[in-house]
Amino acid sequence: MSPSPSPRRVVGLLLLLLSLGGFAHAQYPDDNLYAPSFSLRTPTGASVRYPEVAEAQPSVLMFWPAWCPYSHALLPYLQDIQDDYRAAGLRVWLVSVRRDGEHDPARILRELHSNLGLMLDGDAVMPSYRVEYTPWLIVVDGERNTRYTRPPRPDSPVQTAQEVRRMLNELLGPRAVAMPAHYPSPESRGWRPDLVAASPVSPVADPRRQPPVPLPEVLWASWLESYLAGVGADEYRPEFGARGPVGDGKKAIAIARELWTERYGAAAVEREAPYRAYRQDDLWVVLGAPPQRALGEGMVLVIEQDSGRVRRLLNNAAH
């Protein structure tokens, strides 16, 4: 009878397994790449639970506003993908978000003769999927890992369709589907790039584009006075240069978004929407204003009204 392994040897074996990937399939809902479960209704009233409905097969999921021109342009290509990959057990699922009173997602799919899976009213699901822009399109593998996310500014819907197909083929291996030799042009399917550039987010349907709920002056004024008391008289950010006179809060917010984007990236700035701007004496203070944040907890810009010199620029949310 062989002696029992010592505790030190057991620990060593566990560490070896970890280094070799012996626990590589362990996934947790807070993993950045993990696709959390959610349940939504279809237009017929049926309940669908994703990603369980994919039955451990790769799938495509898109959070889309029915008013979004780029989403409309993508839909025919996604239908082609579902048709071509149906034999491999793959489906494309659409989650309707940011609805307005004019554009009905079910009607749009009917007009396109599309049978893509549609789930309604998915706004509450977006935070768990860390949706940063729409349409938010991802490819999920059979183990619920996000393997592809559409970039915020692709060249055209064709580029997105190609990237989705490449990822699906990588996941399917021997069941891969041949890439099309030709794609119909987006313009032939009614896509207008000028509309996409002009209206990236609907001011009606996107609650983050609405003005923040006004705070009583007694709250923001006391906070502003206290905050600016901590900004030193010689505190400047000369690397940003002088922006010229900042005549109102809209100009201050525009400068803040430009500088924040340059420093922290567009996705991070989008998460700060909507925005607040307050002025005391010669200083404007611009803040990100998501509903869950208190004053000053996110991004901050302090800028001089007359000269446009930047006194402070930071992102407290990153700390």
C-alpha atoms as a PDB file:
ATOM      1  CA  MET A   1       0.000   0.000   0.000  1.00  0.00           C
ATOM      2  CA  SER A   2       1.558   3.269  -1.138  1.00  0.00           C
ATOM      3  CA  PRO A   3       1.844   6.091   1.353  1.00  0.00           C
ATOM      4  CA  SER A   4      -0.638   9.001   1.114  1.00  0.00           C
ATOM      5  CA  PRO A   5       0.793  12.050  -0.672  1.00  0.00           C
ATOM      6  CA  SER A   6       1.899  14.864   1.574  1.00  0.00           C
ATOM      7  CA  PRO A   7      -0.138  18.110   1.651  1.00  0.00           C
ATOM      8  CA  ARG A   8       2.740  19.884  -0.068  1.00  0.00           C
ATOM      9  CA  ARG A   9       2.649  17.334  -2.895  1.00  0.00           C
ATOM     10  CA  VAL A  10      -1.142  17.736  -3.271  1.00  0.00           C
ATOM     11  CA  VAL A  11      -0.753  21.492  -3.566  1.00  0.00           C
ATOM     12  CA  GLY A  12       1.996  21.010  -6.129  1.00  0.00           C
ATOM     13  CA  LEU A  13      -0.213  18.747  -8.223  1.00  0.00           C
ATOM     14  CA  LEU A  14      -3.049  21.273  -8.123  1.00  0.00           C
ATOM     15  CA  LEU A  15      -0.723  24.048  -9.250  1.00  0.00           C
ATOM     16  CA  LEU A  16       0.523  21.854 -12.086  1.00  0.00           C
ATOM     17  CA  LEU A  17      -3.033  21.191 -13.244  1.00  0.00           C
ATOM     18  CA  LEU A  18      -3.784  24.880 -13.198  1.00  0.00           C
ATOM     19  CA  SER A  19      -0.671  25.699 -15.217  1.00  0.00           C
ATOM     20  CA  LEU A  20      -1.617  23.064 -17.780  1.00  0.00           C
ATOM     21  CA  GLY A  21      -5.157  24.412 -18.124  1.00  0.00           C
ATOM     22  CA  GLY A  22      -6.779  21.581 -16.207  1.00  0.00           C
ATOM     23  CA  PHE A  23      -9.485  23.986 -15.041  1.00  0.00           C
ATOM     24  CA  ALA A  24      -9.704  25.982 -18.260  1.00  0.00           C
ATOM     25  CA  HIS A  25     -13.409  25.252 -18.679  1.00  0.00           C
ATOM     26  CA  ALA A  26     -14.439  26.806 -15.390  1.00  0.00           C
ATOM     27  CA  GLN A  27     -16.430  29.960 -16.231  1.00  0.00           C
ATOM     28  CA  TYR A  28     -18.119  32.479 -13.998  1.00  0.00           C
ATOM     29  CA  PRO A  29     -20.846  35.054 -14.686  1.00  0.00           C
ATOM     30  CA  ASP A  30     -18.552  37.963 -13.814  1.00  0.00           C
ATOM     31  CA  ASP A  31     -16.019  36.874 -16.434  1.00  0.00           C
ATOM     32  CA  ASN A  32     -15.566  39.611 -19.031  1.00  0.00           C
ATOM     33  CA  LEU A  33     -16.073  37.097 -21.864  1.00  0.00           C
ATOM     34  CA  TYR A  34     -18.918  35.097 -20.348  1.00  0.00           C
ATOM     35  CA  ALA A  35     -22.449  35.344 -21.825  1.00  0.00           C
ATOM     36  CA  PRO A  36     -24.877  35.675 -18.886  1.00  0.00           C
ATOM     37  CA  SER A  37     -28.306  34.030 -19.021  1.00  0.00           C
ATOM     38  CA  PHE A  38     -31.403  36.131 -19.578  1.00  0.00           C
ATOM     39  CA  SER A  39     -35.037  35.506 -20.472  1.00  0.00           C
ATOM     40  CA  LEU A  40     -37.142  37.746 -22.734  1.00  0.00           C
ATOM     41  CA  ARG A  41     -40.428  37.545 -24.599  1.00  0.00           C
ATOM     42  CA  THR A  42     -40.811  37.130 -28.346  1.00  0.00           C
ATOM     43  CA  PRO A  43     -43.478  39.019 -30.350  1.00  0.00           C
ATOM     44  CA  THR A  44     -45.791  36.000 -29.917  1.00  0.00           C
ATOM     45  CA  GLY A  45     -45.465  36.133 -26.131  1.00  0.00           C
ATOM     46  CA  ALA A  46     -43.244  33.066 -25.803  1.00  0.00           C
ATOM     47  CA  SER A  47     -40.350  33.198 -23.347  1.00  0.00           C
ATOM     48  CA  VAL A  48     -36.830  32.575 -24.656  1.00  0.00           C
ATOM     49  CA  ARG A  49     -33.812  32.003 -22.433  1.00  0.00           C
ATOM     50  CA  TYR A  50     -30.452  32.837 -23.949  1.00  0.00           C
ATOM     51  CA  PRO A  51     -27.835  31.383 -24.374  1.00  0.00           C
ATOM     52  CA  GLU A  52     -29.488  28.109 -23.328  1.00  0.00           C
ATOM     53  CA  VAL A  53     -31.671  28.274 -26.441  1.00  0.00           C
ATOM     54  CA  ALA A  54     -28.498  27.949 -28.532  1.00  0.00           C
ATOM     55  CA  GLU A  55     -28.144  24.362 -27.209  1.00  0.00           C
ATOM     56  CA  ALA A  56     -24.359  24.557 -26.765  1.00  0.00           C
ATOM     57  CA  GLN A  57     -23.846  25.616 -30.401  1.00  0.00           C
ATOM     58  CA  PRO A  58     -22.198  28.846 -31.575  1.00  0.00           C
ATOM     59  CA  SER A  59     -24.680  31.671 -32.015  1.00  0.00           C
ATOM     60  CA  VAL A  60     -24.886  35.313 -33.002  1.00  0.00           C
ATOM     61  CA  LEU A  61     -26.542  37.848 -30.695  1.00  0.00           C
ATOM     62  CA  MET A  62     -27.275  41.462 -31.601  1.00  0.00           C
ATOM     63  CA  PHE A  63     -28.724  44.208 -29.403  1.00  0.00           C
ATOM     64  CA  TRP A  64     -30.322  46.548 -31.925  1.00  0.00           C
ATOM     65  CA  PRO A  65     -32.516  49.671 -31.949  1.00  0.00           C
ATOM     66  CA  ALA A  66     -35.198  49.356 -34.617  1.00  0.00           C
ATOM     67  CA  TRP A  67     -34.567  52.976 -35.658  1.00  0.00           C
ATOM     68  CA  CYS A  68     -30.828  52.429 -36.324  1.00  0.00           C
ATOM     69  CA  PRO A  69     -29.840  52.626 -40.045  1.00  0.00           C
ATOM     70  CA  TYR A  70     -26.735  50.480 -39.544  1.00  0.00           C
ATOM     71  CA  SER A  71     -28.832  47.792 -37.853  1.00  0.00           C
ATOM     72  CA  HIS A  72     -31.212  47.781 -40.826  1.00  0.00           C
ATOM     73  CA  ALA A  73     -28.256  47.371 -43.158  1.00  0.00           C
ATOM     74  CA  LEU A  74     -26.902  44.432 -41.148  1.00  0.00           C
ATOM     75  CA  LEU A  75     -30.143  42.453 -40.999  1.00  0.00           C
ATOM     76  CA  PRO A  76     -30.077  40.987 -44.540  1.00  0.00           C
ATOM     77  CA  TYR A  77     -26.477  39.823 -44.059  1.00  0.00           C
ATOM     78  CA  LEU A  78     -27.386  38.228 -40.731  1.00  0.00           C
ATOM     79  CA  GLN A  79     -30.289  36.479 -42.434  1.00  0.00           C
ATOM     80  CA  ASP A  80     -27.853  35.129 -45.046  1.00  0.00           C
ATOM     81  CA  ILE A  81     -25.608  33.892 -42.231  1.00  0.00           C
ATOM     82  CA  GLN A  82     -28.467  32.099 -40.494  1.00  0.00           C
ATOM     83  CA  ASP A  83     -29.585  30.493 -43.768  1.00  0.00           C
ATOM     84  CA  ASP A  84     -26.068  29.336 -44.611  1.00  0.00           C
ATOM     85  CA  TYR A  85     -25.258  28.001 -41.132  1.00  0.00           C
ATOM     86  CA  ARG A  86     -28.630  26.512 -40.230  1.00  0.00           C
ATOM     87  CA  ALA A  87     -27.441  22.982 -41.032  1.00  0.00           C
ATOM     88  CA  ALA A  88     -24.702  23.446 -38.430  1.00  0.00           C
ATOM     89  CA  GLY A  89     -27.336  24.184 -35.791  1.00  0.00           C
ATOM     90  CA  LEU A  90     -26.628  27.915 -35.619  1.00  0.00           C
ATOM     91  CA  ARG A  91     -29.148  30.709 -35.113  1.00  0.00           C
ATOM     92  CA  VAL A  92     -29.023  34.478 -35.021  1.00  0.00           C
ATOM     93  CA  TRP A  93     -30.884  36.192 -32.177  1.00  0.00           C
ATOM     94  CA  LEU A  94     -31.876  39.836 -32.081  1.00  0.00           C
ATOM     95  CA  VAL A  95     -32.634  41.728 -28.880  1.00  0.00           C
ATOM     96  CA  SER A  96     -34.709  44.856 -29.398  1.00  0.00           C
ATOM     97  CA  VAL A  97     -33.492  47.798 -27.278  1.00  0.00           C
ATOM     98  CA  ARG A  98     -34.027  51.562 -27.045  1.00  0.00           C
ATOM     99  CA  ARG A  99     -37.473  51.381 -28.655  1.00  0.00           C
ATOM    100  CA  ASP A 100     -39.334  54.453 -29.775  1.00  0.00           C
ATOM    101  CA  GLY A 101     -42.981  54.760 -30.720  1.00  0.00           C
ATOM    102  CA  GLU A 102     -42.416  54.759 -34.468  1.00  0.00           C
ATOM    103  CA  HIS A 103     -40.219  51.792 -35.385  1.00  0.00           C
ATOM    104  CA  ASP A 104     -41.632  48.343 -34.623  1.00  0.00           C
ATOM    105  CA  PRO A 105     -38.882  45.677 -34.737  1.00  0.00           C
ATOM    106  CA  ALA A 106     -41.297  42.834 -35.565  1.00  0.00           C
ATOM    107  CA  ARG A 107     -42.745  44.807 -38.481  1.00  0.00           C
ATOM    108  CA  ILE A 108     -39.285  45.593 -39.822  1.00  0.00           C
ATOM    109  CA  LEU A 109     -38.366  41.897 -39.843  1.00  0.00           C
ATOM    110  CA  ARG A 110     -41.634  41.024 -41.600  1.00  0.00           C
ATOM    111  CA  GLU A 111     -40.947  43.620 -44.285  1.00  0.00           C
ATOM    112  CA  LEU A 112     -37.497  42.089 -44.794  1.00  0.00           C
ATOM    113  CA  HIS A 113     -39.006  38.578 -44.955  1.00  0.00           C
ATOM    114  CA  SER A 114     -36.653  37.676 -42.123  1.00  0.00           C
ATOM    115  CA  ASN A 115     -37.074  34.785 -39.687  1.00  0.00           C
ATOM    116  CA  LEU A 116     -34.272  35.821 -37.338  1.00  0.00           C
ATOM    117  CA  GLY A 117     -35.070  35.171 -33.694  1.00  0.00           C
ATOM    118  CA  LEU A 118     -36.434  38.321 -32.049  1.00  0.00           C
ATOM    119  CA  MET A 119     -36.650  39.124 -28.337  1.00  0.00           C
ATOM    120  CA  LEU A 120     -38.273  42.318 -27.108  1.00  0.00           C
ATOM    121  CA  ASP A 121     -37.489  45.002 -24.537  1.00  0.00           C
ATOM    122  CA  GLY A 122     -33.931  43.979 -23.703  1.00  0.00           C
ATOM    123  CA  ASP A 123     -32.714  47.283 -22.240  1.00  0.00           C
ATOM    124  CA  ALA A 124     -32.386  45.797 -18.759  1.00  0.00           C
ATOM    125  CA  VAL A 125     -30.058  43.106 -20.153  1.00  0.00           C
ATOM    126  CA  MET A 126     -27.565  45.548 -21.688  1.00  0.00           C
ATOM    127  CA  PRO A 127     -25.559  46.253 -18.497  1.00  0.00           C
ATOM    128  CA  SER A 128     -24.849  42.551 -17.923  1.00  0.00           C
ATOM    129  CA  TYR A 129     -23.507  42.311 -21.489  1.00  0.00           C
ATOM    130  CA  ARG A 130     -21.572  45.573 -21.065  1.00  0.00           C
ATOM    131  CA  VAL A 131     -23.146  47.083 -24.166  1.00  0.00           C
ATOM    132  CA  GLU A 132     -21.128  50.166 -25.100  1.00  0.00           C
ATOM    133  CA  TYR A 133     -22.773  51.101 -28.411  1.00  0.00           C
ATOM    134  CA  THR A 134     -25.452  49.775 -30.718  1.00  0.00           C
ATOM    135  CA  PRO A 135     -25.851  47.642 -32.633  1.00  0.00           C
ATOM    136  CA  TRP A 136     -23.867  45.511 -30.167  1.00  0.00           C
ATOM    137  CA  LEU A 137     -23.213  42.312 -32.110  1.00  0.00           C
ATOM    138  CA  ILE A 138     -21.324  39.368 -30.627  1.00  0.00           C
ATOM    139  CA  VAL A 139     -20.509  35.778 -31.539  1.00  0.00           C
ATOM    140  CA  VAL A 140     -20.850  33.357 -28.621  1.00  0.00           C
ATOM    141  CA  ASP A 141     -19.266  29.907 -28.710  1.00  0.00           C
ATOM    142  CA  GLY A 142     -20.842  26.698 -27.441  1.00  0.00           C
ATOM    143  CA  GLU A 143     -19.336  27.233 -23.982  1.00  0.00           C
ATOM    144  CA  ARG A 144     -20.911  30.690 -23.613  1.00  0.00           C
ATOM    145  CA  ASN A 145     -17.725  32.665 -24.267  1.00  0.00           C
ATOM    146  CA  THR A 146     -17.885  35.857 -26.322  1.00  0.00           C
ATOM    147  CA  ARG A 147     -15.464  35.332 -29.191  1.00  0.00           C
ATOM    148  CA  TYR A 148     -16.166  38.347 -31.401  1.00  0.00           C
ATOM    149  CA  THR A 149     -17.594  41.828 -30.815  1.00  0.00           C
ATOM    150  CA  ARG A 150     -18.425  44.206 -33.653  1.00  0.00           C
ATOM    151  CA  PRO A 151     -16.157  47.275 -33.504  1.00  0.00           C
ATOM    152  CA  PRO A 152     -17.882  50.643 -33.101  1.00  0.00           C
ATOM    153  CA  ARG A 153     -16.923  51.945 -36.548  1.00  0.00           C
ATOM    154  CA  PRO A 154     -16.535  49.173 -39.149  1.00  0.00           C
ATOM    155  CA  ASP A 155     -16.150  50.122 -42.801  1.00  0.00           C
ATOM    156  CA  SER A 156     -19.486  48.622 -43.889  1.00  0.00           C
ATOM    157  CA  PRO A 157     -22.032  45.911 -43.000  1.00  0.00           C
ATOM    158  CA  VAL A 158     -20.176  43.585 -45.376  1.00  0.00           C
ATOM    159  CA  GLN A 159     -17.042  43.825 -43.228  1.00  0.00           C
ATOM    160  CA  THR A 160     -19.051  42.867 -40.151  1.00  0.00           C
ATOM    161  CA  ALA A 161     -20.645  39.925 -41.979  1.00  0.00           C
ATOM    162  CA  GLN A 162     -17.230  38.689 -43.101  1.00  0.00           C
ATOM    163  CA  GLU A 163     -15.793  38.864 -39.586  1.00  0.00           C
ATOM    164  CA  VAL A 164     -18.793  37.018 -38.142  1.00  0.00           C
ATOM    165  CA  ARG A 165     -18.448  34.252 -40.734  1.00  0.00           C
ATOM    166  CA  ARG A 166     -14.717  33.895 -40.097  1.00  0.00           C
ATOM    167  CA  MET A 167     -15.285  33.501 -36.383  1.00  0.00           C
ATOM    168  CA  LEU A 168     -18.118  31.011 -36.871  1.00  0.00           C
ATOM    169  CA  ASN A 169     -15.944  28.928 -39.184  1.00  0.00           C
ATOM    170  CA  GLU A 170     -13.134  28.950 -36.641  1.00  0.00           C
ATOM    171  CA  LEU A 171     -15.557  27.670 -34.012  1.00  0.00           C
ATOM    172  CA  LEU A 172     -17.176  25.081 -36.273  1.00  0.00           C
ATOM    173  CA  GLY A 173     -13.936  23.543 -37.532  1.00  0.00           C
ATOM    174  CA  PRO A 174     -14.792  20.686 -39.923  1.00  0.00           C
ATOM    175  CA  ARG A 175     -18.391  21.923 -40.108  1.00  0.00           C
ATOM    176  CA  ALA A 176     -17.259  25.311 -41.445  1.00  0.00           C
ATOM    177  CA  VAL A 177     -19.255  26.881 -44.271  1.00  0.00           C
ATOM    178  CA  ALA A 178     -17.560  28.225 -47.385  1.00  0.00           C
ATOM    179  CA  MET A 179     -17.217  32.001 -47.466  1.00  0.00           C
ATOM    180  CA  PRO A 180     -19.330  33.682 -50.176  1.00  0.00           C
ATOM    181  CA  ALA A 181     -17.508  34.655 -53.334  1.00  0.00           C
ATOM    182  CA  HIS A 182     -19.662  37.765 -53.593  1.00  0.00           C
ATOM    183  CA  TYR A 183     -21.667  39.919 -51.189  1.00  0.00           C
ATOM    184  CA  PRO A 184     -24.505  42.188 -52.346  1.00  0.00           C
ATOM    185  CA  SER A 185     -23.493  45.792 -51.829  1.00  0.00           C
ATOM    186  CA  PRO A 186     -25.027  47.486 -48.785  1.00  0.00           C
ATOM    187  CA  GLU A 187     -26.215  50.307 -51.039  1.00  0.00           C
ATOM    188  CA  SER A 188     -28.197  47.817 -53.137  1.00  0.00           C
ATOM    189  CA  ARG A 189     -29.969  46.848 -49.940  1.00  0.00           C
ATOM    190  CA  GLY A 190     -30.849  50.423 -49.075  1.00  0.00           C
ATOM    191  CA  TRP A 191     -27.929  51.358 -46.809  1.00  0.00           C
ATOM    192  CA  ARG A 192     -26.972  55.044 -46.660  1.00  0.00           C
ATOM    193  CA  PRO A 193     -23.672  55.666 -44.841  1.00  0.00           C
ATOM    194  CA  ASP A 194     -24.525  59.360 -44.509  1.00  0.00           C
ATOM    195  CA  LEU A 195     -27.479  58.499 -42.278  1.00  0.00           C
ATOM    196  CA  VAL A 196     -25.302  56.344 -40.039  1.00  0.00           C
ATOM    197  CA  ALA A 197     -22.792  59.145 -39.584  1.00  0.00           C
ATOM    198  CA  ALA A 198     -25.544  61.673 -38.910  1.00  0.00           C
ATOM    199  CA  SER A 199     -27.441  59.739 -36.259  1.00  0.00           C
ATOM    200  CA  PRO A 200     -25.258  57.256 -34.377  1.00  0.00           C
ATOM    201  CA  VAL A 201     -27.639  57.292 -31.387  1.00  0.00           C
ATOM    202  CA  SER A 202     -31.294  58.277 -31.265  1.00  0.00           C
ATOM    203  CA  PRO A 203     -31.945  61.257 -28.973  1.00  0.00           C
ATOM    204  CA  VAL A 204     -35.458  59.916 -28.401  1.00  0.00           C
ATOM    205  CA  ALA A 205     -34.837  56.242 -27.787  1.00  0.00           C
ATOM    206  CA  ASP A 206     -31.535  56.353 -25.920  1.00  0.00           C
ATOM    207  CA  PRO A 207     -32.131  57.382 -22.287  1.00  0.00           C
ATOM    208  CA  ARG A 208     -28.421  58.203 -21.881  1.00  0.00           C
ATOM    209  CA  ARG A 209     -28.882  61.020 -24.425  1.00  0.00           C
ATOM    210  CA  GLN A 210     -31.573  62.671 -22.322  1.00  0.00           C
ATOM    211  CA  PRO A 211     -30.508  65.573 -20.068  1.00  0.00           C
ATOM    212  CA  PRO A 212     -29.650  64.471 -16.544  1.00  0.00           C
ATOM    213  CA  VAL A 213     -32.271  65.036 -13.878  1.00  0.00           C
ATOM    214  CA  PRO A 214     -31.655  68.582 -12.582  1.00  0.00           C
ATOM    215  CA  LEU A 215     -30.280  68.769  -9.059  1.00  0.00           C
ATOM    216  CA  PRO A 216     -31.416  71.435  -6.589  1.00  0.00           C
ATOM    217  CA  GLU A 217     -28.923  74.294  -6.550  1.00  0.00           C
ATOM    218  CA  VAL A 218     -28.369  73.817  -2.839  1.00  0.00           C
ATOM    219  CA  LEU A 219     -26.870  70.375  -3.637  1.00  0.00           C
ATOM    220  CA  TRP A 220     -24.683  71.108  -6.629  1.00  0.00           C
ATOM    221  CA  ALA A 221     -23.544  74.563  -5.534  1.00  0.00           C
ATOM    222  CA  SER A 222     -22.191  73.322  -2.220  1.00  0.00           C
ATOM    223  CA  TRP A 223     -20.472  70.393  -3.915  1.00  0.00           C
ATOM    224  CA  LEU A 224     -18.994  72.675  -6.590  1.00  0.00           C
ATOM    225  CA  GLU A 225     -17.600  75.135  -4.058  1.00  0.00           C
ATOM    226  CA  SER A 226     -16.041  72.320  -2.056  1.00  0.00           C
ATOM    227  CA  TYR A 227     -14.580  70.651  -5.133  1.00  0.00           C
ATOM    228  CA  LEU A 228     -13.029  73.788  -6.599  1.00  0.00           C
ATOM    229  CA  ALA A 229     -11.476  74.595  -3.236  1.00  0.00           C
ATOM    230  CA  GLY A 230      -9.243  71.575  -3.880  1.00  0.00           C
ATOM    231  CA  VAL A 231      -8.086  72.793  -7.309  1.00  0.00           C
ATOM    232  CA  GLY A 232      -4.807  74.589  -6.795  1.00  0.00           C
ATOM    233  CA  ALA A 233      -4.235  78.048  -8.260  1.00  0.00           C
ATOM    234  CA  ASP A 234      -1.217  76.692 -10.173  1.00  0.00           C
ATOM    235  CA  GLU A 235      -2.856  73.435 -11.279  1.00  0.00           C
ATOM    236  CA  TYR A 236      -2.881  73.277 -15.099  1.00  0.00           C
ATOM    237  CA  ARG A 237      -2.752  70.689 -17.890  1.00  0.00           C
ATOM    238  CA  PRO A 238      -0.636  72.542 -20.486  1.00  0.00           C
ATOM    239  CA  GLU A 239      -0.481  69.521 -22.805  1.00  0.00           C
ATOM    240  CA  PHE A 240      -4.080  70.219 -23.879  1.00  0.00           C
ATOM    241  CA  GLY A 241      -3.454  73.856 -24.809  1.00  0.00           C
ATOM    242  CA  ALA A 242      -5.913  76.740 -24.521  1.00  0.00           C
ATOM    243  CA  ARG A 243      -9.299  76.136 -26.121  1.00  0.00           C
ATOM    244  CA  GLY A 244     -10.442  79.748 -26.301  1.00  0.00           C
ATOM    245  CA  PRO A 245     -13.474  81.249 -24.574  1.00  0.00           C
ATOM    246  CA  VAL A 246     -15.996  78.741 -23.213  1.00  0.00           C
ATOM    247  CA  GLY A 247     -19.233  80.662 -23.497  1.00  0.00           C
ATOM    248  CA  ASP A 248     -21.718  78.168 -22.127  1.00  0.00           C
ATOM    249  CA  GLY A 249     -22.200  74.698 -20.672  1.00  0.00           C
ATOM    250  CA  LYS A 250     -22.715  73.073 -24.084  1.00  0.00           C
ATOM    251  CA  LYS A 251     -19.296  74.276 -25.231  1.00  0.00           C
ATOM    252  CA  ALA A 252     -17.742  73.058 -21.992  1.00  0.00           C
ATOM    253  CA  ILE A 253     -19.325  69.611 -22.411  1.00  0.00           C
ATOM    254  CA  ALA A 254     -18.168  69.390 -26.042  1.00  0.00           C
ATOM    255  CA  ILE A 255     -14.579  70.130 -24.995  1.00  0.00           C
ATOM    256  CA  ALA A 256     -14.805  67.631 -22.147  1.00  0.00           C
ATOM    257  CA  ARG A 257     -16.012  64.853 -24.429  1.00  0.00           C
ATOM    258  CA  GLU A 258     -13.249  65.594 -26.943  1.00  0.00           C
ATOM    259  CA  LEU A 259     -10.506  65.504 -24.320  1.00  0.00           C
ATOM    260  CA  TRP A 260     -11.931  62.523 -22.430  1.00  0.00           C
ATOM    261  CA  THR A 261     -12.198  60.572 -25.688  1.00  0.00           C
ATOM    262  CA  GLU A 262      -8.591  61.393 -26.548  1.00  0.00           C
ATOM    263  CA  ARG A 263      -7.411  60.269 -23.123  1.00  0.00           C
ATOM    264  CA  TYR A 264      -9.782  57.435 -22.118  1.00  0.00           C
ATOM    265  CA  GLY A 265     -11.468  56.221 -25.336  1.00  0.00           C
ATOM    266  CA  ALA A 266     -14.927  56.670 -26.855  1.00  0.00           C
ATOM    267  CA  ALA A 267     -16.504  53.676 -25.118  1.00  0.00           C
ATOM    268  CA  ALA A 268     -15.541  54.918 -21.658  1.00  0.00           C
ATOM    269  CA  VAL A 269     -16.880  58.397 -22.444  1.00  0.00           C
ATOM    270  CA  GLU A 270     -20.167  56.952 -23.688  1.00  0.00           C
ATOM    271  CA  ARG A 271     -20.643  55.215 -20.347  1.00  0.00           C
ATOM    272  CA  GLU A 272     -20.439  58.631 -18.656  1.00  0.00           C
ATOM    273  CA  ALA A 273     -23.493  60.011 -20.504  1.00  0.00           C
ATOM    274  CA  PRO A 274     -25.438  62.155 -19.856  1.00  0.00           C
ATOM    275  CA  TYR A 275     -23.233  65.030 -18.719  1.00  0.00           C
ATOM    276  CA  ARG A 276     -23.482  67.993 -16.338  1.00  0.00           C
ATOM    277  CA  ALA A 277     -21.754  71.385 -16.550  1.00  0.00           C
ATOM    278  CA  TYR A 278     -21.554  73.882 -13.695  1.00  0.00           C
ATOM    279  CA  ARG A 279     -19.798  77.247 -13.470  1.00  0.00           C
ATOM    280  CA  GLN A 280     -18.325  79.125 -10.532  1.00  0.00           C
ATOM    281  CA  ASP A 281     -16.632  82.449 -11.207  1.00  0.00           C
ATOM    282  CA  ASP A 282     -14.203  81.826 -14.114  1.00  0.00           C
ATOM    283  CA  LEU A 283     -14.262  78.021 -14.015  1.00  0.00           C
ATOM    284  CA  TRP A 284     -16.473  75.472 -15.730  1.00  0.00           C
ATOM    285  CA  VAL A 285     -16.687  71.986 -14.229  1.00  0.00           C
ATOM    286  CA  VAL A 286     -18.009  69.187 -16.460  1.00  0.00           C
ATOM    287  CA  LEU A 287     -18.997  65.801 -15.005  1.00  0.00           C
ATOM    288  CA  GLY A 288     -20.208  62.479 -16.260  1.00  0.00           C
ATOM    289  CA  ALA A 289     -23.714  61.905 -14.907  1.00  0.00           C
ATOM    290  CA  PRO A 290     -24.851  58.257 -15.116  1.00  0.00           C
ATOM    291  CA  PRO A 291     -27.809  57.720 -12.746  1.00  0.00           C
ATOM    292  CA  GLN A 292     -25.831  55.420 -10.440  1.00  0.00           C
ATOM    293  CA  ARG A 293     -23.017  57.952  -9.859  1.00  0.00           C
ATOM    294  CA  ALA A 294     -22.709  60.763  -7.367  1.00  0.00           C
ATOM    295  CA  LEU A 295     -21.237  64.130  -8.365  1.00  0.00           C
ATOM    296  CA  GLY A 296     -17.577  63.816  -9.278  1.00  0.00           C
ATOM    297  CA  GLU A 297     -17.393  60.003  -9.130  1.00  0.00           C
ATOM    298  CA  GLY A 298     -16.669  59.625 -12.855  1.00  0.00           C
ATOM    299  CA  MET A 299     -14.872  61.813 -15.377  1.00  0.00           C
ATOM    300  CA  VAL A 300     -14.200  65.459 -14.553  1.00  0.00           C
ATOM    301  CA  LEU A 301     -12.985  68.451 -16.545  1.00  0.00           C
ATOM    302  CA  VAL A 302     -12.161  71.827 -14.975  1.00  0.00           C
ATOM    303  CA  ILE A 303     -11.594  74.523 -17.595  1.00  0.00           C
ATOM    304  CA  GLU A 304     -11.261  78.315 -17.529  1.00  0.00           C
ATOM    305  CA  GLN A 305     -14.175  80.217 -19.052  1.00  0.00           C
ATOM    306  CA  ASP A 306     -12.188  83.074 -20.610  1.00  0.00           C
ATOM    307  CA  SER A 307      -9.084  81.319 -21.917  1.00  0.00           C
ATOM    308  CA  GLY A 308     -10.190  77.688 -22.238  1.00  0.00           C
ATOM    309  CA  ARG A 309      -7.094  76.535 -20.361  1.00  0.00           C
ATOM    310  CA  VAL A 310      -7.556  73.079 -18.834  1.00  0.00           C
ATOM    311  CA  ARG A 311      -7.033  73.101 -15.089  1.00  0.00           C
ATOM    312  CA  ARG A 312      -7.907  69.473 -14.347  1.00  0.00           C
ATOM    313  CA  LEU A 313      -8.869  66.360 -16.350  1.00  0.00           C
ATOM    314  CA  LEU A 314      -9.299  62.968 -14.714  1.00  0.00           C
ATOM    315  CA  ASN A 315     -11.353  59.787 -14.523  1.00  0.00           C
ATOM    316  CA  ASN A 316     -12.236  58.841 -10.961  1.00  0.00           C
ATOM    317  CA  ALA A 317     -14.195  55.820 -12.206  1.00  0.00           C
ATOM    318  CA  ALA A 318     -10.920  54.197 -13.304  1.00  0.00           C
ATOM    319  CA  HIS A 319      -9.529  54.155  -9.765  1.00  0.00           C
END
